[in-house]
Amino acid sequence: MKKQILSFLKEEDGQTSTEYILLVAVVALIVFKFKDVASAKLNSITQSVFGNAESFVNEMGN
């Protein structure tokens, strides 16, 4: 599927600015749709990483 999308984007025959605008609109819609889910996951991962780092530093200090 990725190869088909890339070949579609590279092929310039018949593509108009309207098609490019529609592609951008679809990407923007996907980003806005999953923004909250991605933000929550990223926040969870960040807290986990820094929590583990803090535990490691505290163990080294003792």
N, C-alpha and C. Protein backbone atom coordinates (compact mmCIF):
# COMPACT_ATOMS: atom_id res chain seq x y z
N MET A 1 0.84 -1.19 0.00
CA MET A 1 0.00 0.00 0.00
C MET A 1 0.88 1.25 0.00
N LYS A 2 1.98 1.20 0.78
CA LYS A 2 2.87 2.36 0.85
C LYS A 2 3.48 2.64 -0.52
N LYS A 3 3.85 1.58 -1.25
CA LYS A 3 4.43 1.75 -2.59
C LYS A 3 3.43 2.38 -3.54
N GLN A 4 2.15 1.99 -3.41
CA GLN A 4 1.12 2.55 -4.27
C GLN A 4 0.91 4.04 -4.01
N ILE A 5 0.94 4.42 -2.74
CA ILE A 5 0.77 5.83 -2.38
C ILE A 5 1.94 6.65 -2.90
N LEU A 6 3.17 6.13 -2.70
CA LEU A 6 4.34 6.85 -3.18
C LEU A 6 4.34 6.98 -4.70
N SER A 7 3.97 5.91 -5.42
CA SER A 7 3.92 6.00 -6.88
C SER A 7 2.83 6.98 -7.33
N PHE A 8 1.73 7.02 -6.59
CA PHE A 8 0.67 7.98 -6.90
C PHE A 8 1.15 9.41 -6.74
N LEU A 9 1.91 9.66 -5.66
CA LEU A 9 2.39 11.01 -5.42
C LEU A 9 3.47 11.42 -6.42
N LYS A 10 4.27 10.46 -6.88
CA LYS A 10 5.33 10.77 -7.83
C LYS A 10 4.81 10.97 -9.25
N GLU A 11 3.70 10.31 -9.58
CA GLU A 11 3.13 10.44 -10.92
C GLU A 11 2.44 11.79 -11.04
N GLU A 12 2.89 12.59 -11.98
CA GLU A 12 2.36 13.95 -12.10
C GLU A 12 1.33 14.09 -13.19
N ASP A 13 1.09 13.06 -13.97
CA ASP A 13 0.12 13.16 -15.05
C ASP A 13 -1.30 13.27 -14.49
N GLY A 14 -1.96 14.36 -14.81
CA GLY A 14 -3.35 14.53 -14.43
C GLY A 14 -3.58 15.01 -13.01
N GLN A 15 -2.53 15.17 -12.24
CA GLN A 15 -2.74 15.64 -10.87
C GLN A 15 -2.90 17.15 -10.89
N THR A 16 -3.89 17.60 -10.18
CA THR A 16 -4.14 19.03 -10.11
C THR A 16 -3.96 19.49 -8.68
N SER A 17 -3.99 20.77 -8.50
CA SER A 17 -3.85 21.31 -7.15
C SER A 17 -5.01 20.87 -6.26
N THR A 18 -6.16 20.60 -6.86
CA THR A 18 -7.31 20.13 -6.09
C THR A 18 -7.02 18.78 -5.43
N GLU A 19 -6.36 17.89 -6.16
CA GLU A 19 -6.01 16.59 -5.59
C GLU A 19 -5.04 16.74 -4.44
N TYR A 20 -4.06 17.63 -4.59
CA TYR A 20 -3.10 17.86 -3.51
C TYR A 20 -3.80 18.45 -2.29
N ILE A 21 -4.71 19.35 -2.51
CA ILE A 21 -5.46 19.95 -1.39
C ILE A 21 -6.28 18.89 -0.68
N LEU A 22 -6.90 17.99 -1.44
CA LEU A 22 -7.67 16.90 -0.83
C LEU A 22 -6.77 15.97 -0.01
N LEU A 23 -5.58 15.67 -0.50
CA LEU A 23 -4.64 14.84 0.26
C LEU A 23 -4.25 15.52 1.56
N VAL A 24 -3.98 16.80 1.51
CA VAL A 24 -3.61 17.54 2.72
C VAL A 24 -4.79 17.56 3.69
N ALA A 25 -5.99 17.71 3.19
CA ALA A 25 -7.17 17.72 4.05
C ALA A 25 -7.35 16.37 4.75
N VAL A 26 -7.13 15.28 4.04
CA VAL A 26 -7.26 13.95 4.64
C VAL A 26 -6.21 13.75 5.73
N VAL A 27 -4.98 14.14 5.47
CA VAL A 27 -3.92 14.02 6.47
C VAL A 27 -4.26 14.88 7.70
N ALA A 28 -4.72 16.09 7.48
CA ALA A 28 -5.09 16.96 8.61
C ALA A 28 -6.23 16.36 9.41
N LEU A 29 -7.20 15.77 8.74
CA LEU A 29 -8.32 15.13 9.44
C LEU A 29 -7.83 13.98 10.31
N ILE A 30 -6.92 13.17 9.80
CA ILE A 30 -6.37 12.05 10.57
C ILE A 30 -5.61 12.56 11.79
N VAL A 31 -4.81 13.60 11.60
CA VAL A 31 -4.04 14.17 12.71
C VAL A 31 -4.98 14.69 13.80
N PHE A 32 -5.99 15.44 13.42
CA PHE A 32 -6.93 15.97 14.42
C PHE A 32 -7.74 14.88 15.10
N LYS A 33 -8.06 13.82 14.36
CA LYS A 33 -8.85 12.72 14.90
C LYS A 33 -8.11 11.97 16.01
N PHE A 34 -6.82 11.73 15.81
CA PHE A 34 -6.05 10.93 16.75
C PHE A 34 -5.12 11.75 17.65
N LYS A 35 -5.29 13.07 17.64
CA LYS A 35 -4.43 13.96 18.43
C LYS A 35 -4.49 13.63 19.91
N ASP A 36 -5.68 13.46 20.46
CA ASP A 36 -5.83 13.20 21.90
C ASP A 36 -5.26 11.85 22.29
N VAL A 37 -5.48 10.83 21.47
CA VAL A 37 -4.95 9.49 21.76
C VAL A 37 -3.43 9.51 21.74
N ALA A 38 -2.85 10.13 20.72
CA ALA A 38 -1.40 10.20 20.61
C ALA A 38 -0.80 11.01 21.75
N SER A 39 -1.45 12.08 22.13
CA SER A 39 -0.97 12.90 23.23
C SER A 39 -0.97 12.13 24.55
N ALA A 40 -2.03 11.39 24.80
CA ALA A 40 -2.11 10.60 26.03
C ALA A 40 -1.04 9.51 26.06
N LYS A 41 -0.83 8.83 24.94
CA LYS A 41 0.20 7.79 24.88
C LYS A 41 1.58 8.37 25.07
N LEU A 42 1.86 9.49 24.42
CA LEU A 42 3.16 10.13 24.54
C LEU A 42 3.40 10.59 25.98
N ASN A 43 2.39 11.11 26.63
CA ASN A 43 2.49 11.54 28.02
C ASN A 43 2.78 10.34 28.92
N SER A 44 2.11 9.23 28.68
CA SER A 44 2.33 8.02 29.47
C SER A 44 3.75 7.50 29.31
N ILE A 45 4.22 7.46 28.07
CA ILE A 45 5.58 6.98 27.80
C ILE A 45 6.61 7.89 28.46
N THR A 46 6.41 9.20 28.35
CA THR A 46 7.35 10.16 28.93
C THR A 46 7.41 10.02 30.45
N GLN A 47 6.28 9.88 31.09
CA GLN A 47 6.25 9.71 32.54
C GLN A 47 6.95 8.42 32.95
N SER A 48 6.75 7.37 32.20
CA SER A 48 7.39 6.09 32.49
C SER A 48 8.91 6.19 32.37
N VAL A 49 9.38 6.82 31.30
CA VAL A 49 10.82 6.95 31.09
C VAL A 49 11.46 7.77 32.20
N PHE A 50 10.88 8.92 32.51
CA PHE A 50 11.47 9.76 33.54
C PHE A 50 11.31 9.17 34.93
N GLY A 51 10.24 8.41 35.15
CA GLY A 51 10.08 7.71 36.43
C GLY A 51 11.15 6.66 36.61
N ASN A 52 11.45 5.90 35.56
CA ASN A 52 12.50 4.90 35.62
C ASN A 52 13.87 5.55 35.81
N ALA A 53 14.10 6.66 35.14
CA ALA A 53 15.37 7.36 35.27
C ALA A 53 15.54 7.89 36.69
N GLU A 54 14.48 8.39 37.28
CA GLU A 54 14.54 8.90 38.65
C GLU A 54 14.84 7.76 39.63
N SER A 55 14.22 6.61 39.43
CA SER A 55 14.48 5.46 40.27
C SER A 55 15.93 5.02 40.16
N PHE A 56 16.46 5.03 38.93
CA PHE A 56 17.85 4.64 38.70
C PHE A 56 18.80 5.60 39.43
N VAL A 57 18.54 6.89 39.33
CA VAL A 57 19.39 7.89 39.99
C VAL A 57 19.31 7.73 41.51
N ASN A 58 18.12 7.49 42.03
CA ASN A 58 17.97 7.32 43.48
C ASN A 58 18.71 6.08 43.98
N GLU A 59 18.70 5.00 43.18
CA GLU A 59 19.42 3.78 43.56
C GLU A 59 20.93 4.03 43.56
N MET A 60 21.41 4.83 42.63
CA MET A 60 22.85 5.13 42.56
C MET A 60 23.28 5.98 43.75
N GLY A 61 22.39 6.82 44.24
CA GLY A 61 22.71 7.71 45.35
C GLY A 61 22.75 6.99 46.68
N ASN A 62 22.11 5.86 46.78
CA ASN A 62 22.06 5.13 48.05
C ASN A 62 23.20 4.21 48.20
